[in-house]
Amino acid sequence: MKNLFLATLVTIISATSIYAQSDNTTTQFGVKGGVNLSNITGDDVGDLDSRTSFHLGLFLEIPISERFSFQPEVLYSGQGFNLNDKAEYKLDYIQVPLMAKVYLIKGLYAEAGPQFGFKVKEEVDYDSGAMGTVEVDPDDSVIKNFDTNLALGAGYKFDNGFSLSARYNLGLTSIIKDDAFLIGDADVKSAVWQFGVGFSF
């Protein structure tokens, strides 16, 4: 029993030492960017291909303790989906994720939090034909101007401030306007994978 107690004590002390080194204790400003793989999901959505785009923005990591941080971000995020092999529906947003981060071991973290999206561009890009790119009139659009997501992710932050991350943004509400003709009650939600790099100053 004594040996077990000592072994447990050593393990706790070692783990505490590792956690204490897991992140900086000062607030850090950073930049991040990467690749988006976006689509829409729901009971009323058929088989669509993902749109490949990008995200780019700023973040502020605010340590709460040696293991926990709060990280608000502002990102430009290219989203949407492919209607078919000849047309791409582009929905670009200013996204505001509010992430809670926990460092599991030195450098390695998991994160989760709400994300609020503000639509800034909506257009259909045709690969061929005379139509080219057609911008959707906001008055004619069936897509809401605001979207709410749950963001879940993980990443690794190196000692030099460089980081790698993967995140999934799960739509919580339908992106279709409630008063949209015939489809106002459609179940259509955004779904976005983000793979990125970042740097903290």
N, C-alpha and C. Protein backbone atom coordinates (compact mmCIF):
# COMPACT_ATOMS: atom_id res chain seq x y z
N MET A 1 0.82 -1.20 0.00
CA MET A 1 0.00 0.00 0.00
C MET A 1 0.86 1.26 0.00
N LYS A 2 1.95 1.21 0.80
CA LYS A 2 2.85 2.36 0.85
C LYS A 2 3.50 2.61 -0.49
N ASN A 3 3.94 1.53 -1.15
CA ASN A 3 4.56 1.66 -2.47
C ASN A 3 3.56 2.21 -3.49
N LEU A 4 2.31 1.75 -3.39
CA LEU A 4 1.28 2.24 -4.30
C LEU A 4 1.05 3.73 -4.09
N PHE A 5 1.01 4.16 -2.83
CA PHE A 5 0.82 5.57 -2.51
C PHE A 5 1.96 6.41 -3.07
N LEU A 6 3.21 5.92 -2.89
CA LEU A 6 4.37 6.66 -3.39
C LEU A 6 4.36 6.75 -4.91
N ALA A 7 3.99 5.63 -5.55
CA ALA A 7 3.94 5.61 -7.01
C ALA A 7 2.89 6.59 -7.53
N THR A 8 1.74 6.62 -6.86
CA THR A 8 0.67 7.55 -7.25
C THR A 8 1.12 8.99 -7.06
N LEU A 9 1.80 9.26 -5.94
CA LEU A 9 2.27 10.61 -5.65
C LEU A 9 3.28 11.07 -6.69
N VAL A 10 4.21 10.19 -7.06
CA VAL A 10 5.20 10.52 -8.08
C VAL A 10 4.53 10.79 -9.42
N THR A 11 3.52 9.99 -9.75
CA THR A 11 2.80 10.17 -11.01
C THR A 11 2.10 11.52 -11.05
N ILE A 12 1.44 11.89 -9.95
CA ILE A 12 0.74 13.17 -9.89
C ILE A 12 1.71 14.33 -10.01
N ILE A 13 2.83 14.24 -9.30
CA ILE A 13 3.84 15.31 -9.37
C ILE A 13 4.40 15.44 -10.78
N SER A 14 4.67 14.30 -11.41
CA SER A 14 5.21 14.31 -12.77
C SER A 14 4.21 14.91 -13.75
N ALA A 15 2.94 14.49 -13.61
CA ALA A 15 1.90 15.02 -14.49
C ALA A 15 1.75 16.52 -14.31
N THR A 16 1.78 16.97 -13.05
CA THR A 16 1.67 18.40 -12.76
C THR A 16 2.81 19.16 -13.40
N SER A 17 4.00 18.58 -13.36
CA SER A 17 5.17 19.21 -13.96
C SER A 17 5.00 19.34 -15.46
N ILE A 18 4.46 18.29 -16.09
CA ILE A 18 4.24 18.32 -17.53
C ILE A 18 3.19 19.38 -17.87
N TYR A 19 2.07 19.39 -17.13
CA TYR A 19 1.00 20.34 -17.39
C TYR A 19 1.47 21.77 -17.22
N ALA A 20 2.34 21.99 -16.25
CA ALA A 20 2.84 23.35 -15.98
C ALA A 20 3.64 23.89 -17.15
N GLN A 21 4.18 22.98 -17.97
CA GLN A 21 4.97 23.41 -19.12
C GLN A 21 4.15 23.45 -20.39
N SER A 22 2.86 23.13 -20.29
CA SER A 22 2.08 22.90 -21.49
C SER A 22 1.79 24.16 -22.29
N ASP A 23 1.72 25.31 -21.67
CA ASP A 23 1.49 26.53 -22.41
C ASP A 23 2.05 27.73 -21.65
N ASN A 24 2.04 28.87 -22.34
CA ASN A 24 2.54 30.09 -21.74
C ASN A 24 1.49 30.66 -20.79
N THR A 25 1.92 31.39 -19.78
CA THR A 25 0.98 31.97 -18.82
C THR A 25 0.65 33.41 -19.16
N THR A 26 1.12 33.91 -20.29
CA THR A 26 0.82 35.27 -20.71
C THR A 26 -0.12 35.23 -21.93
N THR A 27 -0.94 36.26 -22.05
CA THR A 27 -1.85 36.36 -23.20
C THR A 27 -1.04 36.50 -24.48
N GLN A 28 -1.42 35.74 -25.51
CA GLN A 28 -0.69 35.76 -26.78
C GLN A 28 -1.63 36.08 -27.94
N PHE A 29 -1.15 36.95 -28.81
CA PHE A 29 -1.85 37.30 -30.05
C PHE A 29 -1.31 36.41 -31.16
N GLY A 30 -2.17 36.01 -32.10
CA GLY A 30 -1.70 35.13 -33.16
C GLY A 30 -2.46 35.28 -34.46
N VAL A 31 -1.90 34.69 -35.49
CA VAL A 31 -2.53 34.63 -36.81
C VAL A 31 -2.66 33.16 -37.19
N LYS A 32 -3.66 32.84 -37.99
CA LYS A 32 -3.88 31.46 -38.40
C LYS A 32 -4.54 31.42 -39.77
N GLY A 33 -4.41 30.28 -40.42
CA GLY A 33 -5.05 30.10 -41.72
C GLY A 33 -4.91 28.67 -42.17
N GLY A 34 -5.66 28.31 -43.20
CA GLY A 34 -5.57 26.94 -43.69
C GLY A 34 -6.67 26.61 -44.67
N VAL A 35 -6.92 25.32 -44.81
CA VAL A 35 -7.84 24.78 -45.81
C VAL A 35 -9.20 24.47 -45.18
N ASN A 36 -10.27 24.78 -45.91
CA ASN A 36 -11.63 24.40 -45.53
C ASN A 36 -12.16 23.33 -46.48
N LEU A 37 -12.85 22.34 -45.93
CA LEU A 37 -13.63 21.39 -46.71
C LEU A 37 -15.06 21.52 -46.20
N SER A 38 -15.92 22.18 -46.96
CA SER A 38 -17.26 22.52 -46.46
C SER A 38 -18.35 21.85 -47.27
N ASN A 39 -19.50 21.67 -46.59
CA ASN A 39 -20.67 21.08 -47.22
C ASN A 39 -21.89 21.47 -46.42
N ILE A 40 -23.04 20.94 -46.79
CA ILE A 40 -24.25 21.10 -45.99
C ILE A 40 -24.81 19.72 -45.70
N THR A 41 -25.49 19.60 -44.55
CA THR A 41 -26.06 18.32 -44.13
C THR A 41 -27.50 18.53 -43.69
N GLY A 42 -28.22 17.42 -43.52
CA GLY A 42 -29.59 17.50 -43.03
C GLY A 42 -30.49 16.51 -43.73
N ASP A 43 -31.67 16.32 -43.17
CA ASP A 43 -32.63 15.36 -43.73
C ASP A 43 -33.09 15.75 -45.13
N ASP A 44 -33.04 17.05 -45.43
CA ASP A 44 -33.54 17.53 -46.72
C ASP A 44 -32.44 17.82 -47.72
N VAL A 45 -31.25 17.29 -47.45
CA VAL A 45 -30.10 17.52 -48.33
C VAL A 45 -29.74 16.23 -49.06
N GLY A 46 -29.54 16.34 -50.35
CA GLY A 46 -29.13 15.19 -51.14
C GLY A 46 -27.63 14.97 -51.08
N ASP A 47 -27.12 14.22 -52.01
CA ASP A 47 -25.70 13.89 -52.06
C ASP A 47 -24.94 15.00 -52.80
N LEU A 48 -24.21 15.81 -52.06
CA LEU A 48 -23.47 16.93 -52.64
C LEU A 48 -21.98 16.77 -52.37
N ASP A 49 -21.18 17.37 -53.22
CA ASP A 49 -19.73 17.34 -53.03
C ASP A 49 -19.29 18.54 -52.21
N SER A 50 -18.18 18.37 -51.50
CA SER A 50 -17.65 19.44 -50.66
C SER A 50 -17.00 20.53 -51.50
N ARG A 51 -17.04 21.74 -51.00
CA ARG A 51 -16.30 22.85 -51.58
C ARG A 51 -14.98 22.98 -50.85
N THR A 52 -13.90 23.13 -51.59
CA THR A 52 -12.58 23.36 -51.01
C THR A 52 -12.26 24.85 -51.06
N SER A 53 -11.98 25.43 -49.91
CA SER A 53 -11.69 26.85 -49.84
C SER A 53 -10.64 27.10 -48.75
N PHE A 54 -10.73 28.23 -48.06
CA PHE A 54 -9.70 28.58 -47.09
C PHE A 54 -10.31 29.34 -45.92
N HIS A 55 -9.55 29.43 -44.84
CA HIS A 55 -9.88 30.34 -43.74
C HIS A 55 -8.63 31.10 -43.35
N LEU A 56 -8.81 32.32 -42.85
CA LEU A 56 -7.68 33.17 -42.49
C LEU A 56 -8.16 34.17 -41.44
N GLY A 57 -7.34 34.36 -40.38
CA GLY A 57 -7.76 35.31 -39.38
C GLY A 57 -6.82 35.47 -38.21
N LEU A 58 -7.36 36.03 -37.13
CA LEU A 58 -6.60 36.40 -35.94
C LEU A 58 -7.19 35.72 -34.71
N PHE A 59 -6.35 35.52 -33.70
CA PHE A 59 -6.85 34.96 -32.45
C PHE A 59 -6.09 35.57 -31.27
N LEU A 60 -6.67 35.40 -30.09
CA LEU A 60 -6.07 35.86 -28.84
C LEU A 60 -6.21 34.73 -27.84
N GLU A 61 -5.09 34.16 -27.38
CA GLU A 61 -5.13 33.09 -26.40
C GLU A 61 -4.91 33.66 -25.01
N ILE A 62 -5.92 33.49 -24.16
CA ILE A 62 -5.91 34.07 -22.82
C ILE A 62 -5.86 32.93 -21.80
N PRO A 63 -4.71 32.70 -21.15
CA PRO A 63 -4.62 31.61 -20.17
C PRO A 63 -5.51 31.86 -18.95
N ILE A 64 -6.24 30.82 -18.56
CA ILE A 64 -7.04 30.86 -17.35
C ILE A 64 -6.28 30.19 -16.21
N SER A 65 -5.58 29.13 -16.54
CA SER A 65 -4.72 28.42 -15.60
C SER A 65 -3.59 27.82 -16.41
N GLU A 66 -2.79 26.96 -15.78
CA GLU A 66 -1.67 26.36 -16.49
C GLU A 66 -2.12 25.42 -17.60
N ARG A 67 -3.34 24.89 -17.49
CA ARG A 67 -3.82 23.93 -18.47
C ARG A 67 -4.94 24.46 -19.35
N PHE A 68 -5.65 25.49 -18.90
CA PHE A 68 -6.83 25.95 -19.61
C PHE A 68 -6.63 27.36 -20.17
N SER A 69 -7.17 27.56 -21.38
CA SER A 69 -7.12 28.88 -22.01
C SER A 69 -8.46 29.18 -22.67
N PHE A 70 -8.74 30.48 -22.82
CA PHE A 70 -9.89 30.95 -23.59
C PHE A 70 -9.34 31.61 -24.84
N GLN A 71 -9.87 31.23 -26.01
CA GLN A 71 -9.32 31.74 -27.27
C GLN A 71 -10.43 32.26 -28.19
N PRO A 72 -10.70 33.56 -28.17
CA PRO A 72 -11.60 34.16 -29.16
C PRO A 72 -10.86 34.37 -30.48
N GLU A 73 -11.59 34.23 -31.58
CA GLU A 73 -10.99 34.35 -32.90
C GLU A 73 -11.91 35.16 -33.81
N VAL A 74 -11.34 35.73 -34.86
CA VAL A 74 -12.10 36.33 -35.96
C VAL A 74 -11.50 35.80 -37.25
N LEU A 75 -12.33 35.08 -38.03
CA LEU A 75 -11.84 34.41 -39.23
C LEU A 75 -12.69 34.77 -40.45
N TYR A 76 -12.04 34.91 -41.61
CA TYR A 76 -12.75 34.90 -42.88
C TYR A 76 -12.77 33.45 -43.34
N SER A 77 -13.96 32.91 -43.59
CA SER A 77 -14.08 31.48 -43.87
C SER A 77 -14.88 31.25 -45.15
N GLY A 78 -14.24 30.65 -46.16
CA GLY A 78 -14.91 30.29 -47.40
C GLY A 78 -15.63 28.96 -47.24
N GLN A 79 -16.95 28.97 -47.38
CA GLN A 79 -17.76 27.78 -47.16
C GLN A 79 -18.70 27.56 -48.35
N GLY A 80 -19.65 26.65 -48.19
CA GLY A 80 -20.58 26.35 -49.26
C GLY A 80 -20.52 24.90 -49.67
N PHE A 81 -20.80 24.63 -50.95
CA PHE A 81 -20.85 23.24 -51.43
C PHE A 81 -20.85 23.27 -52.95
N ASN A 82 -20.63 22.11 -53.54
CA ASN A 82 -20.70 21.96 -54.99
C ASN A 82 -22.05 21.39 -55.38
N LEU A 83 -22.78 22.12 -56.23
CA LEU A 83 -24.07 21.65 -56.70
C LEU A 83 -23.91 20.43 -57.59
N ASN A 84 -22.92 20.47 -58.44
CA ASN A 84 -22.56 19.36 -59.33
C ASN A 84 -21.14 19.63 -59.81
N ASP A 85 -20.70 18.91 -60.84
CA ASP A 85 -19.32 19.10 -61.31
C ASP A 85 -19.15 20.37 -62.14
N LYS A 86 -20.23 21.15 -62.30
CA LYS A 86 -20.14 22.36 -63.11
C LYS A 86 -20.52 23.64 -62.37
N ALA A 87 -20.95 23.51 -61.12
CA ALA A 87 -21.39 24.70 -60.38
C ALA A 87 -21.01 24.59 -58.90
N GLU A 88 -20.48 25.70 -58.38
CA GLU A 88 -20.06 25.76 -56.99
C GLU A 88 -20.84 26.87 -56.28
N TYR A 89 -21.50 26.50 -55.17
CA TYR A 89 -22.26 27.47 -54.41
C TYR A 89 -21.36 27.99 -53.29
N LYS A 90 -21.03 29.27 -53.34
CA LYS A 90 -20.08 29.85 -52.40
C LYS A 90 -20.81 30.66 -51.33
N LEU A 91 -20.54 30.30 -50.08
CA LEU A 91 -21.08 31.02 -48.92
C LEU A 91 -19.90 31.40 -48.03
N ASP A 92 -19.52 32.66 -48.07
CA ASP A 92 -18.37 33.11 -47.28
C ASP A 92 -18.86 33.87 -46.06
N TYR A 93 -18.18 33.62 -44.93
CA TYR A 93 -18.59 34.16 -43.64
C TYR A 93 -17.44 34.84 -42.91
N ILE A 94 -17.77 35.79 -42.07
CA ILE A 94 -16.88 36.21 -40.98
C ILE A 94 -17.30 35.38 -39.78
N GLN A 95 -16.43 34.48 -39.33
CA GLN A 95 -16.73 33.59 -38.23
C GLN A 95 -16.07 34.09 -36.94
N VAL A 96 -16.80 33.96 -35.84
CA VAL A 96 -16.29 34.36 -34.52
C VAL A 96 -16.38 33.15 -33.58
N PRO A 97 -15.34 32.30 -33.56
CA PRO A 97 -15.32 31.19 -32.61
C PRO A 97 -14.88 31.67 -31.23
N LEU A 98 -15.48 31.11 -30.19
CA LEU A 98 -15.11 31.40 -28.80
C LEU A 98 -14.72 30.07 -28.17
N MET A 99 -13.42 29.76 -28.21
CA MET A 99 -12.95 28.42 -27.91
C MET A 99 -12.38 28.29 -26.49
N ALA A 100 -12.74 27.20 -25.84
CA ALA A 100 -12.12 26.79 -24.58
C ALA A 100 -11.09 25.72 -24.91
N LYS A 101 -9.85 25.92 -24.48
CA LYS A 101 -8.76 25.00 -24.79
C LYS A 101 -8.23 24.35 -23.52
N VAL A 102 -7.98 23.06 -23.60
CA VAL A 102 -7.35 22.36 -22.48
C VAL A 102 -6.12 21.64 -23.01
N TYR A 103 -4.98 21.87 -22.36
CA TYR A 103 -3.74 21.21 -22.73
C TYR A 103 -3.67 19.85 -22.03
N LEU A 104 -3.68 18.79 -22.82
CA LEU A 104 -3.68 17.44 -22.29
C LEU A 104 -2.29 17.04 -21.80
N ILE A 105 -1.29 17.34 -22.60
CA ILE A 105 0.12 17.22 -22.24
C ILE A 105 0.82 18.42 -22.87
N LYS A 106 2.10 18.52 -22.69
CA LYS A 106 2.84 19.67 -23.22
C LYS A 106 2.61 19.80 -24.72
N GLY A 107 2.02 20.93 -25.12
CA GLY A 107 1.81 21.24 -26.53
C GLY A 107 0.51 20.72 -27.11
N LEU A 108 0.04 19.56 -26.66
CA LEU A 108 -1.14 18.92 -27.24
C LEU A 108 -2.41 19.42 -26.55
N TYR A 109 -3.36 19.91 -27.33
CA TYR A 109 -4.58 20.46 -26.74
C TYR A 109 -5.83 19.98 -27.48
N ALA A 110 -6.94 20.02 -26.75
CA ALA A 110 -8.27 19.82 -27.32
C ALA A 110 -9.05 21.12 -27.10
N GLU A 111 -10.03 21.38 -27.96
CA GLU A 111 -10.76 22.64 -27.86
C GLU A 111 -12.22 22.45 -28.26
N ALA A 112 -13.08 23.29 -27.73
CA ALA A 112 -14.50 23.27 -28.06
C ALA A 112 -15.10 24.62 -27.73
N GLY A 113 -16.15 24.98 -28.46
CA GLY A 113 -16.82 26.24 -28.17
C GLY A 113 -17.84 26.61 -29.22
N PRO A 114 -18.66 27.61 -28.94
CA PRO A 114 -19.63 28.10 -29.93
C PRO A 114 -18.95 28.95 -30.99
N GLN A 115 -19.58 28.99 -32.16
CA GLN A 115 -19.07 29.83 -33.24
C GLN A 115 -20.24 30.55 -33.90
N PHE A 116 -20.05 31.84 -34.13
CA PHE A 116 -21.11 32.66 -34.71
C PHE A 116 -20.65 33.19 -36.06
N GLY A 117 -21.46 32.95 -37.10
CA GLY A 117 -21.07 33.30 -38.46
C GLY A 117 -21.94 34.39 -39.06
N PHE A 118 -21.31 35.34 -39.73
CA PHE A 118 -22.00 36.44 -40.39
C PHE A 118 -21.70 36.36 -41.89
N LYS A 119 -22.72 36.10 -42.68
CA LYS A 119 -22.54 35.92 -44.13
C LYS A 119 -22.10 37.23 -44.78
N VAL A 120 -21.03 37.16 -45.58
CA VAL A 120 -20.54 38.36 -46.26
C VAL A 120 -20.56 38.23 -47.78
N LYS A 121 -20.68 37.00 -48.28
CA LYS A 121 -20.73 36.83 -49.73
C LYS A 121 -21.51 35.56 -50.07
N GLU A 122 -22.32 35.65 -51.12
CA GLU A 122 -23.06 34.49 -51.61
C GLU A 122 -23.12 34.56 -53.13
N GLU A 123 -22.57 33.56 -53.78
CA GLU A 123 -22.58 33.54 -55.23
C GLU A 123 -22.47 32.12 -55.76
N VAL A 124 -22.85 31.96 -57.00
CA VAL A 124 -22.76 30.67 -57.67
C VAL A 124 -21.73 30.81 -58.78
N ASP A 125 -20.74 29.92 -58.78
CA ASP A 125 -19.66 29.96 -59.76
C ASP A 125 -19.84 28.80 -60.73
N TYR A 126 -20.14 29.14 -62.00
CA TYR A 126 -20.32 28.12 -63.04
C TYR A 126 -18.99 27.89 -63.75
N ASP A 127 -18.61 26.63 -63.90
CA ASP A 127 -17.32 26.30 -64.51
C ASP A 127 -17.30 26.54 -66.01
N SER A 128 -18.46 26.48 -66.64
CA SER A 128 -18.50 26.65 -68.09
C SER A 128 -19.77 27.41 -68.47
N GLY A 129 -19.83 27.81 -69.73
CA GLY A 129 -20.98 28.53 -70.21
C GLY A 129 -20.82 30.03 -70.06
N ALA A 130 -21.85 30.77 -70.45
CA ALA A 130 -21.77 32.23 -70.48
C ALA A 130 -22.07 32.87 -69.13
N MET A 131 -22.57 32.10 -68.16
CA MET A 131 -23.01 32.71 -66.90
C MET A 131 -21.85 33.11 -66.01
N GLY A 132 -20.77 32.33 -66.00
CA GLY A 132 -19.63 32.66 -65.16
C GLY A 132 -20.00 32.63 -63.69
N THR A 133 -19.66 33.72 -62.97
CA THR A 133 -19.99 33.83 -61.55
C THR A 133 -21.19 34.75 -61.38
N VAL A 134 -22.21 34.26 -60.68
CA VAL A 134 -23.43 35.03 -60.46
C VAL A 134 -23.57 35.32 -58.97
N GLU A 135 -23.59 36.59 -58.61
CA GLU A 135 -23.77 36.97 -57.21
C GLU A 135 -25.25 36.94 -56.86
N VAL A 136 -25.57 36.37 -55.72
CA VAL A 136 -26.96 36.23 -55.28
C VAL A 136 -27.41 37.52 -54.60
N ASP A 137 -28.51 38.07 -55.05
CA ASP A 137 -29.07 39.27 -54.44
C ASP A 137 -29.54 38.93 -53.03
N PRO A 138 -29.11 39.70 -52.01
CA PRO A 138 -29.53 39.42 -50.63
C PRO A 138 -31.03 39.34 -50.45
N ASP A 139 -31.78 40.14 -51.23
CA ASP A 139 -33.24 40.14 -51.12
C ASP A 139 -33.85 38.86 -51.69
N ASP A 140 -33.13 38.21 -52.60
CA ASP A 140 -33.65 36.99 -53.22
C ASP A 140 -33.10 35.72 -52.58
N SER A 141 -32.12 35.87 -51.71
CA SER A 141 -31.46 34.71 -51.11
C SER A 141 -32.38 33.98 -50.13
N VAL A 142 -32.24 32.65 -50.10
CA VAL A 142 -32.96 31.84 -49.11
C VAL A 142 -32.06 31.48 -47.94
N ILE A 143 -30.81 31.95 -47.96
CA ILE A 143 -29.84 31.64 -46.91
C ILE A 143 -29.82 32.75 -45.86
N LYS A 144 -29.89 32.37 -44.61
CA LYS A 144 -29.85 33.34 -43.52
C LYS A 144 -28.52 34.09 -43.51
N ASN A 145 -28.54 35.28 -42.95
CA ASN A 145 -27.33 36.09 -42.84
C ASN A 145 -26.49 35.72 -41.62
N PHE A 146 -27.05 34.86 -40.73
CA PHE A 146 -26.37 34.51 -39.49
C PHE A 146 -26.44 33.00 -39.29
N ASP A 147 -25.34 32.42 -38.83
CA ASP A 147 -25.29 30.97 -38.62
C ASP A 147 -24.63 30.69 -37.27
N THR A 148 -25.06 29.61 -36.63
CA THR A 148 -24.52 29.22 -35.33
C THR A 148 -23.96 27.80 -35.42
N ASN A 149 -22.75 27.62 -34.90
CA ASN A 149 -22.09 26.33 -34.98
C ASN A 149 -21.50 25.93 -33.63
N LEU A 150 -21.21 24.63 -33.51
CA LEU A 150 -20.38 24.12 -32.42
C LEU A 150 -19.06 23.71 -33.03
N ALA A 151 -17.98 24.28 -32.55
CA ALA A 151 -16.64 23.99 -33.07
C ALA A 151 -15.91 23.04 -32.13
N LEU A 152 -15.38 21.96 -32.69
CA LEU A 152 -14.64 20.96 -31.92
C LEU A 152 -13.31 20.70 -32.62
N GLY A 153 -12.22 20.67 -31.86
CA GLY A 153 -10.94 20.49 -32.52
C GLY A 153 -9.83 20.02 -31.61
N ALA A 154 -8.67 19.89 -32.21
CA ALA A 154 -7.46 19.50 -31.50
C ALA A 154 -6.27 20.08 -32.25
N GLY A 155 -5.14 20.15 -31.56
CA GLY A 155 -3.95 20.69 -32.22
C GLY A 155 -2.71 20.50 -31.38
N TYR A 156 -1.62 20.97 -31.94
CA TYR A 156 -0.35 20.90 -31.22
C TYR A 156 0.36 22.24 -31.38
N LYS A 157 0.79 22.79 -30.24
CA LYS A 157 1.49 24.08 -30.23
C LYS A 157 2.95 23.85 -29.83
N PHE A 158 3.84 24.25 -30.72
CA PHE A 158 5.27 24.07 -30.48
C PHE A 158 5.81 25.22 -29.61
N ASP A 159 6.99 25.00 -29.04
CA ASP A 159 7.59 25.99 -28.15
C ASP A 159 7.87 27.33 -28.83
N ASN A 160 8.08 27.31 -30.15
CA ASN A 160 8.39 28.54 -30.88
C ASN A 160 7.15 29.34 -31.28
N GLY A 161 5.95 28.86 -30.86
CA GLY A 161 4.71 29.56 -31.17
C GLY A 161 3.99 29.04 -32.38
N PHE A 162 4.63 28.21 -33.17
CA PHE A 162 4.00 27.61 -34.34
C PHE A 162 3.03 26.52 -33.91
N SER A 163 1.88 26.40 -34.58
CA SER A 163 0.89 25.39 -34.20
C SER A 163 0.23 24.77 -35.42
N LEU A 164 -0.24 23.53 -35.24
CA LEU A 164 -1.01 22.79 -36.23
C LEU A 164 -2.36 22.47 -35.62
N SER A 165 -3.43 22.54 -36.42
CA SER A 165 -4.75 22.31 -35.84
C SER A 165 -5.70 21.66 -36.84
N ALA A 166 -6.70 20.97 -36.29
CA ALA A 166 -7.81 20.41 -37.07
C ALA A 166 -9.08 20.70 -36.29
N ARG A 167 -10.11 21.12 -37.00
CA ARG A 167 -11.35 21.52 -36.34
C ARG A 167 -12.54 21.14 -37.21
N TYR A 168 -13.64 20.73 -36.53
CA TYR A 168 -14.90 20.46 -37.23
C TYR A 168 -15.96 21.42 -36.72
N ASN A 169 -16.62 22.12 -37.64
CA ASN A 169 -17.68 23.06 -37.29
C ASN A 169 -19.03 22.44 -37.64
N LEU A 170 -19.79 22.13 -36.62
CA LEU A 170 -21.09 21.47 -36.77
C LEU A 170 -22.20 22.50 -36.69
N GLY A 171 -23.00 22.60 -37.74
CA GLY A 171 -24.12 23.54 -37.73
C GLY A 171 -25.17 23.17 -36.71
N LEU A 172 -25.61 24.15 -35.93
CA LEU A 172 -26.63 23.90 -34.90
C LEU A 172 -28.03 24.31 -35.35
N THR A 173 -28.11 25.21 -36.30
CA THR A 173 -29.41 25.68 -36.78
C THR A 173 -29.42 25.64 -38.31
N SER A 174 -30.62 25.57 -38.88
CA SER A 174 -30.77 25.56 -40.33
C SER A 174 -30.31 26.89 -40.91
N ILE A 175 -29.62 26.82 -42.05
CA ILE A 175 -29.17 28.05 -42.70
C ILE A 175 -30.24 28.62 -43.63
N ILE A 176 -31.38 27.93 -43.79
CA ILE A 176 -32.47 28.39 -44.66
C ILE A 176 -33.38 29.35 -43.91
N LYS A 177 -33.73 30.45 -44.54
CA LYS A 177 -34.62 31.43 -43.93
C LYS A 177 -35.98 30.80 -43.63
N ASP A 178 -36.56 31.20 -42.51
CA ASP A 178 -37.85 30.64 -42.09
C ASP A 178 -38.97 30.97 -43.08
N ASP A 179 -38.86 32.12 -43.76
CA ASP A 179 -39.92 32.53 -44.67
C ASP A 179 -39.59 32.21 -46.14
N ALA A 180 -38.57 31.36 -46.37
CA ALA A 180 -38.22 30.98 -47.74
C ALA A 180 -39.37 30.21 -48.37
N PHE A 181 -39.73 30.57 -49.59
CA PHE A 181 -40.88 29.98 -50.27
C PHE A 181 -40.71 28.48 -50.46
N LEU A 182 -41.62 27.70 -49.95
CA LEU A 182 -41.69 26.24 -50.06
C LEU A 182 -40.64 25.49 -49.23
N ILE A 183 -39.52 26.10 -48.90
CA ILE A 183 -38.46 25.37 -48.20
C ILE A 183 -38.11 25.99 -46.85
N GLY A 184 -39.00 26.82 -46.32
CA GLY A 184 -38.72 27.52 -45.07
C GLY A 184 -38.50 26.61 -43.88
N ASP A 185 -39.04 25.39 -43.94
CA ASP A 185 -38.86 24.46 -42.84
C ASP A 185 -37.82 23.38 -43.15
N ALA A 186 -37.00 23.61 -44.16
CA ALA A 186 -36.00 22.61 -44.57
C ALA A 186 -34.90 22.47 -43.52
N ASP A 187 -34.45 21.23 -43.34
CA ASP A 187 -33.35 20.94 -42.41
C ASP A 187 -32.04 20.96 -43.18
N VAL A 188 -31.37 22.11 -43.17
CA VAL A 188 -30.12 22.29 -43.92
C VAL A 188 -29.12 22.99 -43.01
N LYS A 189 -28.05 22.31 -42.66
CA LYS A 189 -27.05 22.87 -41.74
C LYS A 189 -25.66 22.82 -42.35
N SER A 190 -24.83 23.74 -41.93
CA SER A 190 -23.46 23.79 -42.44
C SER A 190 -22.59 22.74 -41.74
N ALA A 191 -21.57 22.29 -42.44
CA ALA A 191 -20.61 21.33 -41.90
C ALA A 191 -19.26 21.62 -42.53
N VAL A 192 -18.28 21.97 -41.71
CA VAL A 192 -16.99 22.42 -42.25
C VAL A 192 -15.83 21.79 -41.48
N TRP A 193 -14.93 21.16 -42.22
CA TRP A 193 -13.64 20.72 -41.68
C TRP A 193 -12.62 21.81 -41.97
N GLN A 194 -11.79 22.14 -40.95
CA GLN A 194 -10.74 23.12 -41.12
C GLN A 194 -9.40 22.53 -40.68
N PHE A 195 -8.42 22.62 -41.55
CA PHE A 195 -7.06 22.16 -41.24
C PHE A 195 -6.14 23.36 -41.42
N GLY A 196 -5.43 23.71 -40.34
CA GLY A 196 -4.68 24.95 -40.44
C GLY A 196 -3.38 24.99 -39.68
N VAL A 197 -2.70 26.10 -39.87
CA VAL A 197 -1.47 26.41 -39.15
C VAL A 197 -1.64 27.77 -38.50
N GLY A 198 -0.89 28.00 -37.43
CA GLY A 198 -0.98 29.28 -36.75
C GLY A 198 0.36 29.67 -36.17
N PHE A 199 0.44 30.91 -35.75
CA PHE A 199 1.65 31.39 -35.10
C PHE A 199 1.27 32.40 -34.03
N SER A 200 1.79 32.18 -32.81
CA SER A 200 1.53 33.06 -31.67
C SER A 200 2.73 33.99 -31.44
N PHE A 201 2.45 35.26 -31.15
CA PHE A 201 3.50 36.24 -30.90
C PHE A 201 3.67 36.50 -29.41
